[in-house]
Amino acid sequence: MRRSRRLVISSFATVANYDYGFYWSFGQDGSVELEIKLTGLMSVSGIADGERPRHGRLVAPNVQAPTHQHYFAVRLDPAVDGPRNRLVEVHAETEPDEALNPYGNAVVAVETPISTESAGGRRVDAGRATHWRIESESAVNRFDEPTAYRLTVLNTAQLNVRPGSVVERKAPFVAQHLWASAFDPEQRFIAGEYPNQGELGDDGVHVWQRADRSLEHERLVLWPVLGVHHFPRPEQWPIMPVDRISLRLEPDGFFDRNPSLDVPPSSGAGHCAMPASDAPGCGDHGPRPDDQHGPL
């Protein structure tokens, strides 16, 4: 048994009434996780006695907080075991062949290569355990499989807006949970260079996809999109406890075995156990070298 440790690099950004924390965790098992923490103050308004808000929730007497949505996009330049990679989507299905599935519980991992940008907009289907494998072009493991990392976007939501609304046209990238594009040093931001000043929807990953560039063994850029639907509750007033959303990268055939097996054991310093009758107890470390009489 070994106690796991993580290196965590974090930062916070205050945007209007919200505080967003970004926590990158690097595990000894080779995993990388981004956890986004949401806290701060809800943007509330008054409401008359006896009224019930249609688009929100009462959080205090005569105080309503609106139901709303948060979306975050991440730019990943994976370079898994080399600069050129391949993206494969994986989901679960029940084995349809009764001869191979007599008890009805056999599961098949269905793999779909994402070969071009026109197919590069993907959605999470939690019911089918959707995830993506980022494979190396040049390196293989001991099973003669491409070394790879797995990308999982956890507990994300889908945008709820009216088609053609300003929100949809200003941030069309939120229509998918993952975008894949070929690397271009000029394409730095998922919504384009100037999303506030430019025309609605005239730049960004949804425009770049139209070039339909190849994604087979190319330098890839992945754009996971994480969404939160905030349904207010009284316990979030007046200061919100932290809500969380995350994505995870973990080795998938990248190593030959568990890479954390050589983690050294804990020293036990700072922990107490019931001592034997002739051993020092908790907080009692025995006589000092210059103490001839032992502990009092």
C-alpha atoms as a PDB file:
ATOM      1  CA  MET A   1       0.000   0.000   0.000  1.00  0.00           C
ATOM      2  CA  ARG A   2       1.323   3.424  -0.966  1.00  0.00           C
ATOM      3  CA  ARG A   3      -0.087   6.857  -0.251  1.00  0.00           C
ATOM      4  CA  SER A   4      -0.668   8.758  -3.489  1.00  0.00           C
ATOM      5  CA  ARG A   5       0.683  12.253  -3.953  1.00  0.00           C
ATOM      6  CA  ARG A   6      -0.122  14.890  -6.553  1.00  0.00           C
ATOM      7  CA  LEU A   7       1.526  18.026  -7.814  1.00  0.00           C
ATOM      8  CA  VAL A   8      -1.184  20.701  -8.009  1.00  0.00           C
ATOM      9  CA  ILE A   9      -0.727  23.974  -9.905  1.00  0.00           C
ATOM     10  CA  SER A  10      -3.607  26.364  -9.370  1.00  0.00           C
ATOM     11  CA  SER A  11      -4.782  29.862 -10.142  1.00  0.00           C
ATOM     12  CA  PHE A  12      -7.929  31.898  -9.538  1.00  0.00           C
ATOM     13  CA  ALA A  13      -9.683  34.409 -11.782  1.00  0.00           C
ATOM     14  CA  THR A  14     -12.358  36.836 -10.641  1.00  0.00           C
ATOM     15  CA  VAL A  15     -14.849  37.589 -13.411  1.00  0.00           C
ATOM     16  CA  ALA A  16     -17.606  39.976 -12.294  1.00  0.00           C
ATOM     17  CA  ASN A  17     -19.419  38.287  -9.407  1.00  0.00           C
ATOM     18  CA  TYR A  18     -17.780  34.870  -9.864  1.00  0.00           C
ATOM     19  CA  ASP A  19     -14.453  33.423  -8.766  1.00  0.00           C
ATOM     20  CA  TYR A  20     -13.092  30.599 -10.900  1.00  0.00           C
ATOM     21  CA  GLY A  21     -10.303  28.324  -9.691  1.00  0.00           C
ATOM     22  CA  PHE A  22      -8.256  26.266 -12.143  1.00  0.00           C
ATOM     23  CA  TYR A  23      -6.441  23.319 -10.564  1.00  0.00           C
ATOM     24  CA  TRP A  24      -4.090  21.198 -12.668  1.00  0.00           C
ATOM     25  CA  SER A  25      -3.205  17.971 -10.828  1.00  0.00           C
ATOM     26  CA  PHE A  26      -0.348  15.712 -11.936  1.00  0.00           C
ATOM     27  CA  GLY A  27      -0.524  12.206 -10.458  1.00  0.00           C
ATOM     28  CA  GLN A  28       2.149   9.598  -9.902  1.00  0.00           C
ATOM     29  CA  ASP A  29       0.132   7.224 -12.080  1.00  0.00           C
ATOM     30  CA  GLY A  30       0.760   9.478 -15.085  1.00  0.00           C
ATOM     31  CA  SER A  31      -2.664  11.110 -14.971  1.00  0.00           C
ATOM     32  CA  VAL A  32      -3.381  14.806 -15.494  1.00  0.00           C
ATOM     33  CA  GLU A  33      -6.630  16.326 -14.269  1.00  0.00           C
ATOM     34  CA  LEU A  34      -8.039  19.810 -14.658  1.00  0.00           C
ATOM     35  CA  GLU A  35     -10.607  20.661 -12.006  1.00  0.00           C
ATOM     36  CA  ILE A  36     -12.445  23.958 -12.351  1.00  0.00           C
ATOM     37  CA  LYS A  37     -13.951  25.343  -9.153  1.00  0.00           C
ATOM     38  CA  LEU A  38     -16.779  27.871  -9.233  1.00  0.00           C
ATOM     39  CA  THR A  39     -17.618  30.105  -6.299  1.00  0.00           C
ATOM     40  CA  GLY A  40     -18.405  33.740  -5.548  1.00  0.00           C
ATOM     41  CA  LEU A  41     -21.711  35.606  -5.404  1.00  0.00           C
ATOM     42  CA  MET A  42     -24.895  34.894  -7.310  1.00  0.00           C
ATOM     43  CA  SER A  43     -26.296  37.760  -9.375  1.00  0.00           C
ATOM     44  CA  VAL A  44     -29.635  38.253  -7.635  1.00  0.00           C
ATOM     45  CA  SER A  45     -32.639  40.551  -7.954  1.00  0.00           C
ATOM     46  CA  GLY A  46     -35.718  41.392  -5.948  1.00  0.00           C
ATOM     47  CA  ILE A  47     -39.083  39.673  -6.257  1.00  0.00           C
ATOM     48  CA  ALA A  48     -42.484  40.604  -4.848  1.00  0.00           C
ATOM     49  CA  ASP A  49     -44.099  38.785  -1.942  1.00  0.00           C
ATOM     50  CA  GLY A  50     -45.818  35.578  -2.996  1.00  0.00           C
ATOM     51  CA  GLU A  51     -44.240  35.389  -6.459  1.00  0.00           C
ATOM     52  CA  ARG A  52     -42.314  32.359  -7.659  1.00  0.00           C
ATOM     53  CA  PRO A  53     -39.499  32.913 -10.179  1.00  0.00           C
ATOM     54  CA  ARG A  54     -39.961  31.057 -13.463  1.00  0.00           C
ATOM     55  CA  HIS A  55     -36.312  31.277 -14.512  1.00  0.00           C
ATOM     56  CA  GLY A  56     -34.619  30.924 -11.151  1.00  0.00           C
ATOM     57  CA  ARG A  57     -35.049  30.150  -7.470  1.00  0.00           C
ATOM     58  CA  LEU A  58     -35.793  31.962  -4.240  1.00  0.00           C
ATOM     59  CA  VAL A  59     -32.622  32.026  -2.163  1.00  0.00           C
ATOM     60  CA  ALA A  60     -33.804  34.457   0.516  1.00  0.00           C
ATOM     61  CA  PRO A  61     -37.036  36.342   1.262  1.00  0.00           C
ATOM     62  CA  ASN A  62     -37.833  38.532  -1.772  1.00  0.00           C
ATOM     63  CA  VAL A  63     -34.492  37.564  -3.363  1.00  0.00           C
ATOM     64  CA  GLN A  64     -34.275  35.468  -6.533  1.00  0.00           C
ATOM     65  CA  ALA A  65     -31.230  34.044  -8.304  1.00  0.00           C
ATOM     66  CA  PRO A  66     -31.441  33.146 -12.016  1.00  0.00           C
ATOM     67  CA  THR A  67     -30.757  29.736 -13.498  1.00  0.00           C
ATOM     68  CA  HIS A  68     -27.757  30.152 -15.792  1.00  0.00           C
ATOM     69  CA  GLN A  69     -24.880  28.397 -17.544  1.00  0.00           C
ATOM     70  CA  HIS A  70     -21.078  28.492 -17.451  1.00  0.00           C
ATOM     71  CA  TYR A  71     -18.800  27.222 -20.215  1.00  0.00           C
ATOM     72  CA  PHE A  72     -15.040  26.767 -20.314  1.00  0.00           C
ATOM     73  CA  ALA A  73     -12.854  25.765 -23.246  1.00  0.00           C
ATOM     74  CA  VAL A  74      -9.370  24.283 -22.978  1.00  0.00           C
ATOM     75  CA  ARG A  75      -6.685  24.167 -25.662  1.00  0.00           C
ATOM     76  CA  LEU A  76      -4.635  20.956 -25.609  1.00  0.00           C
ATOM     77  CA  ASP A  77      -1.624  20.361 -27.861  1.00  0.00           C
ATOM     78  CA  PRO A  78      -1.137  16.722 -26.785  1.00  0.00           C
ATOM     79  CA  ALA A  79       2.014  15.487 -28.603  1.00  0.00           C
ATOM     80  CA  VAL A  80       1.652  11.989 -27.112  1.00  0.00           C
ATOM     81  CA  ASP A  81       4.951  10.140 -27.675  1.00  0.00           C
ATOM     82  CA  GLY A  82       5.820  12.419 -30.577  1.00  0.00           C
ATOM     83  CA  PRO A  83       4.418  15.456 -32.360  1.00  0.00           C
ATOM     84  CA  ARG A  84       1.977  13.570 -34.614  1.00  0.00           C
ATOM     85  CA  ASN A  85      -1.074  11.865 -33.171  1.00  0.00           C
ATOM     86  CA  ARG A  86      -4.351  10.216 -34.100  1.00  0.00           C
ATOM     87  CA  LEU A  87      -7.723  10.657 -32.366  1.00  0.00           C
ATOM     88  CA  VAL A  88     -10.073   7.737 -31.742  1.00  0.00           C
ATOM     89  CA  GLU A  89     -13.487   7.958 -30.092  1.00  0.00           C
ATOM     90  CA  VAL A  90     -14.477   5.012 -27.892  1.00  0.00           C
ATOM     91  CA  HIS A  91     -17.896   4.098 -26.528  1.00  0.00           C
ATOM     92  CA  ALA A  92     -19.500   1.023 -24.994  1.00  0.00           C
ATOM     93  CA  GLU A  93     -22.093  -1.232 -26.617  1.00  0.00           C
ATOM     94  CA  THR A  94     -23.628  -4.552 -25.599  1.00  0.00           C
ATOM     95  CA  GLU A  95     -22.289  -7.516 -27.576  1.00  0.00           C
ATOM     96  CA  PRO A  96     -25.098  -8.260 -30.084  1.00  0.00           C
ATOM     97  CA  ASP A  97     -24.028 -11.836 -30.876  1.00  0.00           C
ATOM     98  CA  GLU A  98     -25.884 -14.118 -28.457  1.00  0.00           C
ATOM     99  CA  ALA A  99     -23.379 -16.897 -29.056  1.00  0.00           C
ATOM    100  CA  LEU A 100     -20.623 -14.607 -27.766  1.00  0.00           C
ATOM    101  CA  ASN A 101     -22.832 -13.125 -25.062  1.00  0.00           C
ATOM    102  CA  PRO A 102     -24.911 -15.953 -23.546  1.00  0.00           C
ATOM    103  CA  TYR A 103     -25.488 -14.112 -20.260  1.00  0.00           C
ATOM    104  CA  GLY A 104     -26.182 -10.745 -21.865  1.00  0.00           C
ATOM    105  CA  ASN A 105     -23.520  -8.804 -19.987  1.00  0.00           C
ATOM    106  CA  ALA A 106     -20.631  -8.756 -22.483  1.00  0.00           C
ATOM    107  CA  VAL A 107     -19.552  -5.277 -23.531  1.00  0.00           C
ATOM    108  CA  VAL A 108     -17.709  -4.203 -26.680  1.00  0.00           C
ATOM    109  CA  ALA A 109     -15.537  -1.086 -26.905  1.00  0.00           C
ATOM    110  CA  VAL A 110     -16.516   0.460 -30.242  1.00  0.00           C
ATOM    111  CA  GLU A 111     -13.756   2.575 -31.782  1.00  0.00           C
ATOM    112  CA  THR A 112     -14.328   5.367 -34.304  1.00  0.00           C
ATOM    113  CA  PRO A 113     -11.263   7.100 -35.790  1.00  0.00           C
ATOM    114  CA  ILE A 114     -11.742  10.854 -36.201  1.00  0.00           C
ATOM    115  CA  SER A 115      -9.971  11.289 -39.519  1.00  0.00           C
ATOM    116  CA  THR A 116     -10.910  14.786 -40.720  1.00  0.00           C
ATOM    117  CA  GLU A 117     -11.937  18.101 -39.239  1.00  0.00           C
ATOM    118  CA  SER A 118     -15.478  17.779 -40.575  1.00  0.00           C
ATOM    119  CA  ALA A 119     -15.900  14.918 -38.092  1.00  0.00           C
ATOM    120  CA  GLY A 120     -13.965  16.734 -35.371  1.00  0.00           C
ATOM    121  CA  GLY A 121     -16.918  18.064 -33.383  1.00  0.00           C
ATOM    122  CA  ARG A 122     -17.890  15.443 -30.786  1.00  0.00           C
ATOM    123  CA  ARG A 123     -20.292  15.092 -27.871  1.00  0.00           C
ATOM    124  CA  VAL A 124     -20.078  13.196 -24.620  1.00  0.00           C
ATOM    125  CA  ASP A 125     -22.625  10.420 -24.150  1.00  0.00           C
ATOM    126  CA  ALA A 126     -22.348   9.421 -20.505  1.00  0.00           C
ATOM    127  CA  GLY A 127     -24.777   6.549 -21.062  1.00  0.00           C
ATOM    128  CA  ARG A 128     -22.254   4.941 -23.414  1.00  0.00           C
ATOM    129  CA  ALA A 129     -19.128   5.945 -21.473  1.00  0.00           C
ATOM    130  CA  THR A 130     -17.765   8.042 -24.340  1.00  0.00           C
ATOM    131  CA  HIS A 131     -14.097   8.982 -24.182  1.00  0.00           C
ATOM    132  CA  TRP A 132     -11.266   9.633 -26.616  1.00  0.00           C
ATOM    133  CA  ARG A 133      -7.867   8.028 -27.116  1.00  0.00           C
ATOM    134  CA  ILE A 134      -4.976  10.120 -28.401  1.00  0.00           C
ATOM    135  CA  GLU A 135      -2.575   7.724 -30.107  1.00  0.00           C
ATOM    136  CA  SER A 136       1.061   8.168 -31.066  1.00  0.00           C
ATOM    137  CA  GLU A 137       1.980   7.909 -34.728  1.00  0.00           C
ATOM    138  CA  SER A 138       5.368   6.316 -34.131  1.00  0.00           C
ATOM    139  CA  ALA A 139       5.554   4.588 -30.733  1.00  0.00           C
ATOM    140  CA  VAL A 140       4.048   1.246 -29.705  1.00  0.00           C
ATOM    141  CA  ASN A 141       3.833  -0.582 -26.385  1.00  0.00           C
ATOM    142  CA  ARG A 142       4.715  -4.189 -25.607  1.00  0.00           C
ATOM    143  CA  PHE A 143       1.347  -5.337 -27.009  1.00  0.00           C
ATOM    144  CA  ASP A 144       2.185  -3.723 -30.361  1.00  0.00           C
ATOM    145  CA  GLU A 145      -0.507  -1.086 -29.810  1.00  0.00           C
ATOM    146  CA  PRO A 146       0.078   2.643 -30.295  1.00  0.00           C
ATOM    147  CA  THR A 147       0.986   4.309 -27.041  1.00  0.00           C
ATOM    148  CA  ALA A 148      -1.839   6.605 -26.077  1.00  0.00           C
ATOM    149  CA  TYR A 149      -3.530   8.833 -23.533  1.00  0.00           C
ATOM    150  CA  ARG A 150      -7.242   8.796 -22.747  1.00  0.00           C
ATOM    151  CA  LEU A 151      -9.269  12.009 -22.549  1.00  0.00           C
ATOM    152  CA  THR A 152     -12.486  12.006 -20.525  1.00  0.00           C
ATOM    153  CA  VAL A 153     -14.685  15.071 -20.101  1.00  0.00           C
ATOM    154  CA  LEU A 154     -16.555  14.565 -16.843  1.00  0.00           C
ATOM    155  CA  ASN A 155     -20.050  15.694 -15.774  1.00  0.00           C
ATOM    156  CA  THR A 156     -20.371  18.304 -18.512  1.00  0.00           C
ATOM    157  CA  ALA A 157     -23.626  19.850 -19.751  1.00  0.00           C
ATOM    158  CA  GLN A 158     -25.076  20.865 -23.095  1.00  0.00           C
ATOM    159  CA  LEU A 159     -25.925  24.463 -23.946  1.00  0.00           C
ATOM    160  CA  ASN A 160     -29.587  25.421 -23.642  1.00  0.00           C
ATOM    161  CA  VAL A 161     -30.412  28.437 -25.808  1.00  0.00           C
ATOM    162  CA  ARG A 162     -32.855  29.234 -28.579  1.00  0.00           C
ATOM    163  CA  PRO A 163     -31.388  28.500 -32.040  1.00  0.00           C
ATOM    164  CA  GLY A 164     -30.147  31.680 -33.673  1.00  0.00           C
ATOM    165  CA  SER A 165     -29.860  33.577 -30.401  1.00  0.00           C
ATOM    166  CA  VAL A 166     -26.993  35.984 -29.773  1.00  0.00           C
ATOM    167  CA  VAL A 167     -25.427  33.540 -27.315  1.00  0.00           C
ATOM    168  CA  GLU A 168     -25.408  30.722 -29.854  1.00  0.00           C
ATOM    169  CA  ARG A 169     -23.956  32.931 -32.596  1.00  0.00           C
ATOM    170  CA  LYS A 170     -21.355  34.538 -30.343  1.00  0.00           C
ATOM    171  CA  ALA A 171     -20.059  31.273 -28.859  1.00  0.00           C
ATOM    172  CA  PRO A 172     -20.912  28.511 -31.357  1.00  0.00           C
ATOM    173  CA  PHE A 173     -18.094  26.340 -30.016  1.00  0.00           C
ATOM    174  CA  VAL A 174     -20.263  25.351 -27.041  1.00  0.00           C
ATOM    175  CA  ALA A 175     -22.367  23.210 -29.392  1.00  0.00           C
ATOM    176  CA  GLN A 176     -19.877  20.356 -28.911  1.00  0.00           C
ATOM    177  CA  HIS A 177     -18.016  18.868 -25.955  1.00  0.00           C
ATOM    178  CA  LEU A 178     -14.814  18.308 -27.937  1.00  0.00           C
ATOM    179  CA  TRP A 179     -13.354  19.800 -31.092  1.00  0.00           C
ATOM    180  CA  ALA A 180     -10.327  18.465 -32.943  1.00  0.00           C
ATOM    181  CA  SER A 181      -8.354  20.538 -35.429  1.00  0.00           C
ATOM    182  CA  ALA A 182      -5.030  20.425 -37.232  1.00  0.00           C
ATOM    183  CA  PHE A 183      -2.370  22.597 -35.634  1.00  0.00           C
ATOM    184  CA  ASP A 184      -2.080  26.145 -36.925  1.00  0.00           C
ATOM    185  CA  PRO A 185      -0.044  28.700 -34.943  1.00  0.00           C
ATOM    186  CA  GLU A 186      -2.520  31.432 -35.913  1.00  0.00           C
ATOM    187  CA  GLN A 187      -5.481  29.542 -34.450  1.00  0.00           C
ATOM    188  CA  ARG A 188      -4.913  30.182 -30.772  1.00  0.00           C
ATOM    189  CA  PHE A 189      -8.357  30.697 -29.265  1.00  0.00           C
ATOM    190  CA  ILE A 190     -11.446  28.551 -29.715  1.00  0.00           C
ATOM    191  CA  ALA A 191     -13.695  31.595 -30.281  1.00  0.00           C
ATOM    192  CA  GLY A 192     -11.197  33.388 -32.522  1.00  0.00           C
ATOM    193  CA  GLU A 193      -8.941  36.340 -31.853  1.00  0.00           C
ATOM    194  CA  TYR A 194     -11.569  39.006 -31.174  1.00  0.00           C
ATOM    195  CA  PRO A 195     -14.863  37.395 -30.145  1.00  0.00           C
ATOM    196  CA  ASN A 196     -16.227  40.605 -28.607  1.00  0.00           C
ATOM    197  CA  GLN A 197     -15.276  42.999 -31.401  1.00  0.00           C
ATOM    198  CA  GLY A 198     -15.789  40.812 -34.467  1.00  0.00           C
ATOM    199  CA  GLU A 199     -18.948  39.806 -36.245  1.00  0.00           C
ATOM    200  CA  LEU A 200     -20.924  37.124 -34.468  1.00  0.00           C
ATOM    201  CA  GLY A 201     -19.544  33.691 -35.265  1.00  0.00           C
ATOM    202  CA  ASP A 202     -17.160  34.742 -38.048  1.00  0.00           C
ATOM    203  CA  ASP A 203     -14.052  33.219 -36.437  1.00  0.00           C
ATOM    204  CA  GLY A 204     -13.192  30.274 -34.255  1.00  0.00           C
ATOM    205  CA  VAL A 205     -12.977  26.509 -34.356  1.00  0.00           C
ATOM    206  CA  HIS A 206     -16.354  26.038 -36.080  1.00  0.00           C
ATOM    207  CA  VAL A 207     -15.011  28.140 -38.992  1.00  0.00           C
ATOM    208  CA  TRP A 208     -11.643  26.378 -39.109  1.00  0.00           C
ATOM    209  CA  GLN A 209     -13.419  23.021 -39.413  1.00  0.00           C
ATOM    210  CA  ARG A 210     -14.665  23.986 -42.868  1.00  0.00           C
ATOM    211  CA  ALA A 211     -11.173  23.460 -44.292  1.00  0.00           C
ATOM    212  CA  ASP A 212     -11.695  19.759 -43.485  1.00  0.00           C
ATOM    213  CA  ARG A 213      -7.995  19.137 -42.955  1.00  0.00           C
ATOM    214  CA  SER A 214      -6.751  15.635 -42.251  1.00  0.00           C
ATOM    215  CA  LEU A 215      -6.385  14.573 -38.609  1.00  0.00           C
ATOM    216  CA  GLU A 216      -4.660  11.281 -39.375  1.00  0.00           C
ATOM    217  CA  HIS A 217      -1.210  11.276 -37.810  1.00  0.00           C
ATOM    218  CA  GLU A 218      -0.997  15.040 -37.777  1.00  0.00           C
ATOM    219  CA  ARG A 219      -0.091  17.533 -35.115  1.00  0.00           C
ATOM    220  CA  LEU A 220      -3.454  17.809 -33.394  1.00  0.00           C
ATOM    221  CA  VAL A 221      -5.071  20.438 -31.241  1.00  0.00           C
ATOM    222  CA  LEU A 222      -7.943  19.324 -29.020  1.00  0.00           C
ATOM    223  CA  TRP A 223     -10.480  21.732 -27.574  1.00  0.00           C
ATOM    224  CA  PRO A 224     -12.506  20.195 -24.721  1.00  0.00           C
ATOM    225  CA  VAL A 225     -15.546  22.251 -23.691  1.00  0.00           C
ATOM    226  CA  LEU A 226     -16.810  21.972 -20.123  1.00  0.00           C
ATOM    227  CA  GLY A 227     -20.267  23.204 -19.199  1.00  0.00           C
ATOM    228  CA  VAL A 228     -22.092  23.755 -15.915  1.00  0.00           C
ATOM    229  CA  HIS A 229     -25.805  24.423 -15.481  1.00  0.00           C
ATOM    230  CA  HIS A 230     -26.261  26.368 -12.262  1.00  0.00           C
ATOM    231  CA  PHE A 231     -29.626  25.728 -10.644  1.00  0.00           C
ATOM    232  CA  PRO A 232     -29.489  28.016  -7.588  1.00  0.00           C
ATOM    233  CA  ARG A 233     -30.358  26.775  -4.104  1.00  0.00           C
ATOM    234  CA  PRO A 234     -30.779  28.618  -0.802  1.00  0.00           C
ATOM    235  CA  GLU A 235     -27.610  27.023   0.587  1.00  0.00           C
ATOM    236  CA  GLN A 236     -25.609  29.016  -1.973  1.00  0.00           C
ATOM    237  CA  TRP A 237     -26.696  32.328  -0.463  1.00  0.00           C
ATOM    238  CA  PRO A 238     -25.080  34.717   0.280  1.00  0.00           C
ATOM    239  CA  ILE A 239     -21.700  33.139  -0.601  1.00  0.00           C
ATOM    240  CA  MET A 240     -21.578  30.081  -2.834  1.00  0.00           C
ATOM    241  CA  PRO A 241     -19.789  26.917  -1.760  1.00  0.00           C
ATOM    242  CA  VAL A 242     -17.561  25.508  -4.472  1.00  0.00           C
ATOM    243  CA  ASP A 243     -19.048  23.685  -7.461  1.00  0.00           C
ATOM    244  CA  ARG A 244     -16.724  21.569  -9.606  1.00  0.00           C
ATOM    245  CA  ILE A 245     -16.300  20.334 -13.145  1.00  0.00           C
ATOM    246  CA  SER A 246     -13.302  18.539 -14.614  1.00  0.00           C
ATOM    247  CA  LEU A 247     -11.554  16.750 -17.417  1.00  0.00           C
ATOM    248  CA  ARG A 248      -9.030  13.972 -17.099  1.00  0.00           C
ATOM    249  CA  LEU A 249      -6.093  12.697 -19.133  1.00  0.00           C
ATOM    250  CA  GLU A 250      -4.721   9.288 -18.194  1.00  0.00           C
ATOM    251  CA  PRO A 251      -2.281   6.843 -19.800  1.00  0.00           C
ATOM    252  CA  ASP A 252      -3.997   4.263 -22.000  1.00  0.00           C
ATOM    253  CA  GLY A 253      -1.343   1.803 -23.094  1.00  0.00           C
ATOM    254  CA  PHE A 254       1.312   4.470 -22.692  1.00  0.00           C
ATOM    255  CA  PHE A 255       3.115   2.442 -20.002  1.00  0.00           C
ATOM    256  CA  ASP A 256       3.666  -1.308 -19.840  1.00  0.00           C
ATOM    257  CA  ARG A 257       2.268  -1.520 -16.313  1.00  0.00           C
ATOM    258  CA  ASN A 258       1.179   0.664 -13.412  1.00  0.00           C
ATOM    259  CA  PRO A 259       3.821   3.447 -13.340  1.00  0.00           C
ATOM    260  CA  SER A 260       3.224   4.172  -9.657  1.00  0.00           C
ATOM    261  CA  LEU A 261       4.374   0.750  -8.413  1.00  0.00           C
ATOM    262  CA  ASP A 262       7.794   2.093  -7.429  1.00  0.00           C
ATOM    263  CA  VAL A 263       6.441   4.875  -5.224  1.00  0.00           C
ATOM    264  CA  PRO A 264       8.408   4.667  -1.946  1.00  0.00           C
ATOM    265  CA  PRO A 265       6.447   3.732   1.186  1.00  0.00           C
ATOM    266  CA  SER A 266       5.495   6.358   3.724  1.00  0.00           C
ATOM    267  CA  SER A 267       7.946   6.759   6.593  1.00  0.00           C
ATOM    268  CA  GLY A 268       5.220   6.681   9.201  1.00  0.00           C
ATOM    269  CA  ALA A 269       6.512   9.890  10.760  1.00  0.00           C
ATOM    270  CA  GLY A 270       3.729  11.782  12.427  1.00  0.00           C
ATOM    271  CA  HIS A 271       1.514   8.713  12.821  1.00  0.00           C
ATOM    272  CA  CYS A 272       0.758   6.899  16.066  1.00  0.00           C
ATOM    273  CA  ALA A 273       0.098   3.244  16.792  1.00  0.00           C
ATOM    274  CA  MET A 274      -0.439   1.418  20.058  1.00  0.00           C
ATOM    275  CA  PRO A 275       3.065   0.487  21.247  1.00  0.00           C
ATOM    276  CA  ALA A 276       4.277  -2.768  22.701  1.00  0.00           C
ATOM    277  CA  SER A 277       4.657  -2.794  26.469  1.00  0.00           C
ATOM    278  CA  ASP A 278       8.352  -1.971  26.316  1.00  0.00           C
ATOM    279  CA  ALA A 279       8.167   0.536  23.427  1.00  0.00           C
ATOM    280  CA  PRO A 280       7.671   4.295  23.612  1.00  0.00           C
ATOM    281  CA  GLY A 281       4.094   5.504  23.142  1.00  0.00           C
ATOM    282  CA  CYS A 282       2.641   8.253  20.946  1.00  0.00           C
ATOM    283  CA  GLY A 283       4.668  11.402  21.372  1.00  0.00           C
ATOM    284  CA  ASP A 284       7.223   9.508  23.461  1.00  0.00           C
ATOM    285  CA  HIS A 285      10.359   8.920  21.417  1.00  0.00           C
ATOM    286  CA  GLY A 286      12.432   7.315  24.138  1.00  0.00           C
ATOM    287  CA  PRO A 287      15.388   8.686  26.107  1.00  0.00           C
ATOM    288  CA  ARG A 288      17.685  11.335  24.743  1.00  0.00           C
ATOM    289  CA  PRO A 289      21.288  10.223  24.239  1.00  0.00           C
ATOM    290  CA  ASP A 290      22.381  12.315  27.253  1.00  0.00           C
ATOM    291  CA  ASP A 291      19.596  11.068  29.530  1.00  0.00           C
ATOM    292  CA  GLN A 292      20.968   8.182  31.608  1.00  0.00           C
ATOM    293  CA  HIS A 293      17.737   7.636  33.495  1.00  0.00           C
ATOM    294  CA  GLY A 294      15.348   7.276  30.553  1.00  0.00           C
ATOM    295  CA  PRO A 295      12.034   9.038  30.287  1.00  0.00           C
ATOM    296  CA  LEU A 296      10.325  10.118  33.499  1.00  0.00           C
END
